[in-house]
N, C-alpha and C. Protein backbone atom coordinates (compact mmCIF):
# COMPACT_ATOMS: atom_id res chain seq x y z
N UNK A 1 0.32 -1.33 -0.02
CA UNK A 1 0.46 0.48 0.34
C UNK A 1 0.91 1.24 -0.27
N UNK A 2 -0.05 2.22 -0.94
CA UNK A 2 1.59 3.75 -0.74
C UNK A 2 0.94 3.76 0.30
N UNK A 3 1.54 4.66 0.91
CA UNK A 3 1.97 6.03 1.99
C UNK A 3 0.90 6.30 2.11
N UNK A 4 0.41 7.63 0.54
CA UNK A 4 -0.45 8.38 0.50
C UNK A 4 -1.83 8.04 0.74
N UNK A 5 -1.98 6.80 0.05
CA UNK A 5 -3.45 5.22 0.56
C UNK A 5 -3.57 5.37 2.16
N UNK A 6 -1.90 4.70 2.77
CA UNK A 6 -2.74 4.46 4.32
C UNK A 6 -2.57 6.04 5.34
N UNK A 7 -2.34 6.90 5.24
CA UNK A 7 -2.52 8.22 5.06
C UNK A 7 -3.93 8.68 4.94
N UNK A 8 -3.91 8.58 3.29
CA UNK A 8 -5.96 8.83 3.56
C UNK A 8 -6.61 7.91 4.21
N UNK A 9 -5.72 6.71 4.40
CA UNK A 9 -7.20 5.39 4.94
C UNK A 9 -7.32 5.66 6.71
N UNK A 10 -6.80 6.40 6.99
CA UNK A 10 -6.57 6.42 8.79
C UNK A 10 -7.04 7.80 8.86
N UNK A 11 -6.83 8.59 7.76
CA UNK A 11 -7.58 9.87 7.92
C UNK A 11 -9.03 9.80 7.89
N UNK A 12 -9.45 9.82 7.06
CA UNK A 12 -11.12 9.24 7.00
C UNK A 12 -11.40 8.65 7.57
N UNK A 13 -10.84 8.31 8.59
CA UNK A 13 -11.88 7.35 10.10
C UNK A 13 -11.55 7.60 10.94
N UNK A 14 -11.02 8.49 10.73
CA UNK A 14 -11.66 9.60 12.28
C UNK A 14 -12.70 10.07 12.90
N UNK A 15 -12.84 9.84 13.90
CA UNK A 15 -13.89 10.65 14.34
C UNK A 15 -14.05 12.51 13.66
N UNK A 16 -15.36 12.78 13.92
CA UNK A 16 -15.49 13.82 13.15
C UNK A 16 -15.58 13.87 11.87
N UNK A 17 -14.17 13.06 10.85
CA UNK A 17 -14.52 13.30 9.22
C UNK A 17 -15.71 12.57 8.70
N UNK A 18 -16.70 12.98 7.81
CA UNK A 18 -17.30 12.66 7.07
C UNK A 18 -16.52 12.25 6.14
N UNK A 19 -15.48 13.10 5.36
CA UNK A 19 -14.88 12.62 3.88
C UNK A 19 -13.35 13.34 4.06
N UNK A 20 -12.69 12.93 2.64
CA UNK A 20 -11.40 13.71 2.58
C UNK A 20 -12.34 14.74 1.21
N UNK A 21 -11.07 15.68 1.17
CA UNK A 21 -11.32 16.75 0.35
C UNK A 21 -10.36 17.39 -0.53
N UNK A 22 -10.85 17.38 -1.73
CA UNK A 22 -9.46 18.11 -3.22
C UNK A 22 -8.98 19.30 -2.86
N UNK A 23 -10.91 19.77 -2.15
CA UNK A 23 -10.37 21.39 -1.92
C UNK A 23 -11.16 22.15 -3.11
N UNK A 24 -10.97 23.52 -3.19
CA UNK A 24 -12.28 24.15 -3.97
C UNK A 24 -11.49 23.99 -4.89
N UNK A 25 -10.12 24.06 -5.87
CA UNK A 25 -9.62 23.75 -6.76
C UNK A 25 -9.43 22.70 -7.06
N UNK A 26 -9.09 21.42 -6.23
CA UNK A 26 -9.33 20.17 -6.32
C UNK A 26 -7.98 19.56 -6.54
N UNK A 27 -7.20 20.49 -5.52
CA UNK A 27 -5.48 20.78 -6.24
C UNK A 27 -5.04 19.99 -4.72
N UNK A 28 -5.58 19.56 -3.48
CA UNK A 28 -4.78 18.35 -2.41
C UNK A 28 -4.92 16.81 -2.61
N UNK A 29 -4.77 16.62 -3.64
CA UNK A 29 -4.35 15.38 -4.24
C UNK A 29 -3.11 14.36 -4.54
N UNK A 30 -3.04 13.11 -4.55
CA UNK A 30 -1.76 12.42 -4.88
C UNK A 30 -1.97 11.43 -6.02
N UNK A 31 -0.95 11.72 -7.12
CA UNK A 31 -1.14 11.38 -8.58
C UNK A 31 -0.72 9.87 -8.36
N UNK A 32 -1.27 8.84 -8.40
CA UNK A 32 -0.77 7.27 -7.81
C UNK A 32 -0.81 6.33 -9.45
N UNK A 33 -0.49 5.80 -9.81
CA UNK A 33 -0.26 5.00 -11.47
C UNK A 33 -1.98 4.29 -11.87
N UNK A 34 -2.57 5.05 -12.08
CA UNK A 34 -4.11 4.84 -12.99
C UNK A 34 -4.74 5.32 -11.81
N UNK A 35 -4.58 6.87 -10.73
CA UNK A 35 -5.87 6.99 -10.04
C UNK A 35 -5.12 8.50 -9.82
N UNK A 36 -6.12 9.07 -8.87
CA UNK A 36 -5.71 10.26 -8.43
C UNK A 36 -6.02 10.26 -7.05
N UNK A 37 -5.48 10.39 -6.04
CA UNK A 37 -6.07 9.85 -4.56
C UNK A 37 -6.38 11.62 -4.14
N UNK A 38 -7.23 12.13 -3.83
CA UNK A 38 -8.26 13.17 -3.50
C UNK A 38 -7.73 13.08 -2.17
N UNK A 39 -7.17 14.21 -1.62
CA UNK A 39 -8.03 14.62 -0.42
C UNK A 39 -6.48 14.48 0.98
N UNK A 40 -5.33 14.16 -0.11
CA UNK A 40 -3.68 13.53 0.49
C UNK A 40 -3.38 13.90 -0.26
N UNK A 41 -2.05 14.86 0.12
CA UNK A 41 -0.57 15.88 -0.69
C UNK A 41 0.46 15.42 -0.19
N UNK A 42 1.49 14.79 -0.63
CA UNK A 42 2.49 14.20 0.60
C UNK A 42 3.80 14.57 -0.65
N UNK A 43 3.87 15.97 0.37
CA UNK A 43 5.87 16.63 0.06
C UNK A 43 6.50 16.02 0.74
N UNK A 44 7.81 16.59 0.16
CA UNK A 44 8.83 16.60 1.40
C UNK A 44 9.34 16.91 2.00
N UNK A 45 9.11 18.20 2.65
CA UNK A 45 8.56 18.93 4.04
C UNK A 45 7.72 18.73 4.74
N UNK A 46 6.19 18.10 3.92
CA UNK A 46 4.79 18.62 4.70
C UNK A 46 3.62 16.69 3.92
N UNK A 47 2.51 17.09 5.16
CA UNK A 47 1.76 16.10 4.42
C UNK A 47 0.85 17.52 4.44
N UNK A 48 -0.15 17.23 3.32
CA UNK A 48 -1.06 18.59 3.41
C UNK A 48 -2.72 16.81 3.77
N UNK A 49 -3.60 17.05 4.09
CA UNK A 49 -5.04 16.92 4.42
C UNK A 49 -5.74 17.31 4.85
N UNK A 50 -6.93 17.57 3.57
CA UNK A 50 -8.55 18.43 3.89
C UNK A 50 -9.39 17.82 3.54
N UNK A 51 -9.96 17.68 4.87
CA UNK A 51 -10.89 17.20 5.25
C UNK A 51 -12.31 18.04 5.20
N UNK A 52 -13.52 17.24 4.88
CA UNK A 52 -14.64 17.50 5.31
C UNK A 52 -15.31 16.91 7.47
N UNK A 53 -15.57 17.74 7.57
CA UNK A 53 -16.02 17.84 8.87
C UNK A 53 -17.02 17.68 10.12
N UNK A 54 -17.45 17.18 10.58
CA UNK A 54 -19.00 17.64 11.26
C UNK A 54 -18.87 18.88 12.35
N UNK A 55 -20.37 18.55 12.73
CA UNK A 55 -20.18 20.20 13.32
C UNK A 55 -20.28 19.15 14.96
N UNK A 56 -20.83 17.66 14.64
CA UNK A 56 -20.67 16.97 16.49
C UNK A 56 -19.86 17.25 16.76
N UNK A 57 -18.50 17.32 17.07
CA UNK A 57 -16.84 17.80 17.18
C UNK A 57 -16.26 19.18 17.09
N UNK A 58 -15.50 19.54 18.04
CA UNK A 58 -14.42 20.85 17.83
C UNK A 58 -14.19 20.55 16.66
N UNK A 59 -13.56 21.61 15.74
CA UNK A 59 -13.56 21.60 14.63
C UNK A 59 -11.42 21.04 14.84
N UNK A 60 -11.26 22.00 16.06
CA UNK A 60 -9.78 21.61 16.69
C UNK A 60 -9.20 19.78 16.66
N UNK A 61 -10.44 20.03 17.88
CA UNK A 61 -9.76 18.28 18.01
C UNK A 61 -10.16 17.16 16.69
N UNK A 62 -10.46 17.44 16.02
CA UNK A 62 -10.77 16.31 14.83
C UNK A 62 -9.28 16.62 13.96
N UNK A 63 -9.18 17.94 13.78
CA UNK A 63 -7.35 18.23 13.17
C UNK A 63 -6.61 18.07 14.08
N UNK A 64 -6.27 17.80 14.97
CA UNK A 64 -5.92 17.08 16.48
C UNK A 64 -5.58 15.54 15.92
N UNK A 65 -6.87 15.04 16.36
CA UNK A 65 -7.02 13.57 16.00
C UNK A 65 -6.50 13.10 14.46
N UNK A 66 -6.73 13.41 13.18
CA UNK A 66 -6.02 13.43 12.36
C UNK A 66 -4.84 13.31 12.14
N UNK A 67 -4.17 14.67 12.99
CA UNK A 67 -2.94 14.71 12.56
C UNK A 67 -1.85 13.06 13.57
N UNK A 68 -2.78 13.05 14.74
CA UNK A 68 -2.41 12.35 15.97
C UNK A 68 -2.49 10.93 14.89
N UNK A 69 -3.24 10.64 13.92
CA UNK A 69 -3.85 8.89 13.39
C UNK A 69 -2.85 9.45 12.39
N UNK A 70 -1.97 10.09 11.70
CA UNK A 70 -0.93 9.90 9.90
C UNK A 70 0.66 10.39 11.22
N UNK A 71 0.88 10.68 12.30
CA UNK A 71 2.11 10.64 12.29
C UNK A 71 3.09 9.63 12.32
N UNK A 72 2.84 8.73 12.40
CA UNK A 72 3.77 7.74 12.39
C UNK A 72 4.04 7.38 11.21
N UNK A 73 3.06 7.83 10.22
CA UNK A 73 2.87 7.76 8.19
C UNK A 73 4.05 8.67 8.17
N UNK A 74 3.85 10.25 8.48
CA UNK A 74 4.60 11.35 8.36
C UNK A 74 5.68 11.48 8.11
N UNK A 75 6.52 10.41 8.41
CA UNK A 75 8.03 10.28 8.57
C UNK A 75 8.76 11.48 9.11
N UNK A 76 8.14 11.99 10.15
CA UNK A 76 9.06 13.43 10.33
C UNK A 76 8.32 14.76 9.35
N UNK A 77 7.98 14.37 8.59
CA UNK A 77 7.17 15.77 8.24
C UNK A 77 6.06 16.15 9.01
N UNK A 78 5.52 18.20 8.82
CA UNK A 78 4.87 18.17 9.39
C UNK A 78 3.56 17.97 8.78
N UNK A 79 2.21 17.73 9.14
CA UNK A 79 1.56 17.14 8.78
C UNK A 79 0.34 18.77 9.08
N UNK A 80 0.10 19.66 7.98
CA UNK A 80 -1.07 20.24 8.01
C UNK A 80 -2.50 19.15 7.81
N UNK A 81 -3.13 20.07 8.29
CA UNK A 81 -5.19 19.22 8.51
C UNK A 81 -6.05 20.95 7.84
N UNK A 82 -6.39 20.65 6.84
CA UNK A 82 -7.18 22.14 5.88
C UNK A 82 -8.35 21.15 6.63
N UNK A 83 -9.46 22.26 6.91
CA UNK A 83 -10.75 21.81 6.78
C UNK A 83 -11.83 22.47 6.00
N UNK A 84 -12.71 21.92 4.63
CA UNK A 84 -12.53 22.37 3.82
C UNK A 84 -14.28 22.99 3.63
N UNK A 85 -14.50 21.85 4.43
CA UNK A 85 -16.17 21.88 4.55
C UNK A 85 -16.47 21.65 6.20
N UNK A 86 -17.97 22.29 6.35
CA UNK A 86 -18.42 21.69 7.62
C UNK A 86 -19.64 21.18 7.56
N UNK A 87 -20.38 20.23 7.61
CA UNK A 87 -21.94 19.64 7.61
C UNK A 87 -22.43 18.71 9.28
N UNK A 88 -23.73 19.29 9.23
CA UNK A 88 -23.89 19.05 10.12
C UNK A 88 -24.65 17.89 10.72
N UNK A 89 -23.80 16.75 11.65
CA UNK A 89 -24.28 15.39 11.63
C UNK A 89 -25.77 15.18 12.01
N UNK A 90 -26.27 13.98 11.56
CA UNK A 90 -27.14 13.49 11.00
C UNK A 90 -27.39 12.28 11.82
C-alpha cells in the first residue's frame, strides 16, 4: 500500500471526519499509477490533508485527531490539516 493511501485511510477513519476533500480547486491530491487520490498531498517537507468535518465535534479536536492518526506515517514531516467544509451531523 502506498504511503499516501495509508494516510488517507487513517485520516478518513477519524471521528468527526465525513470524507476527504480535494479543496476548492481539487489541488489536494496525490497521483498514483492509474489513480488520483483526493484529499492527501505528500511532499518533501509536509503532508497536507483536506477534510470535510462534522459539527458534532470541535473542529480543532478533529484536526488534532487526524494529525495524531497519521503522525507515524508522515516520516517526521509536518502534517497540515485543512478543513474545507463542515456539515451537520445526522
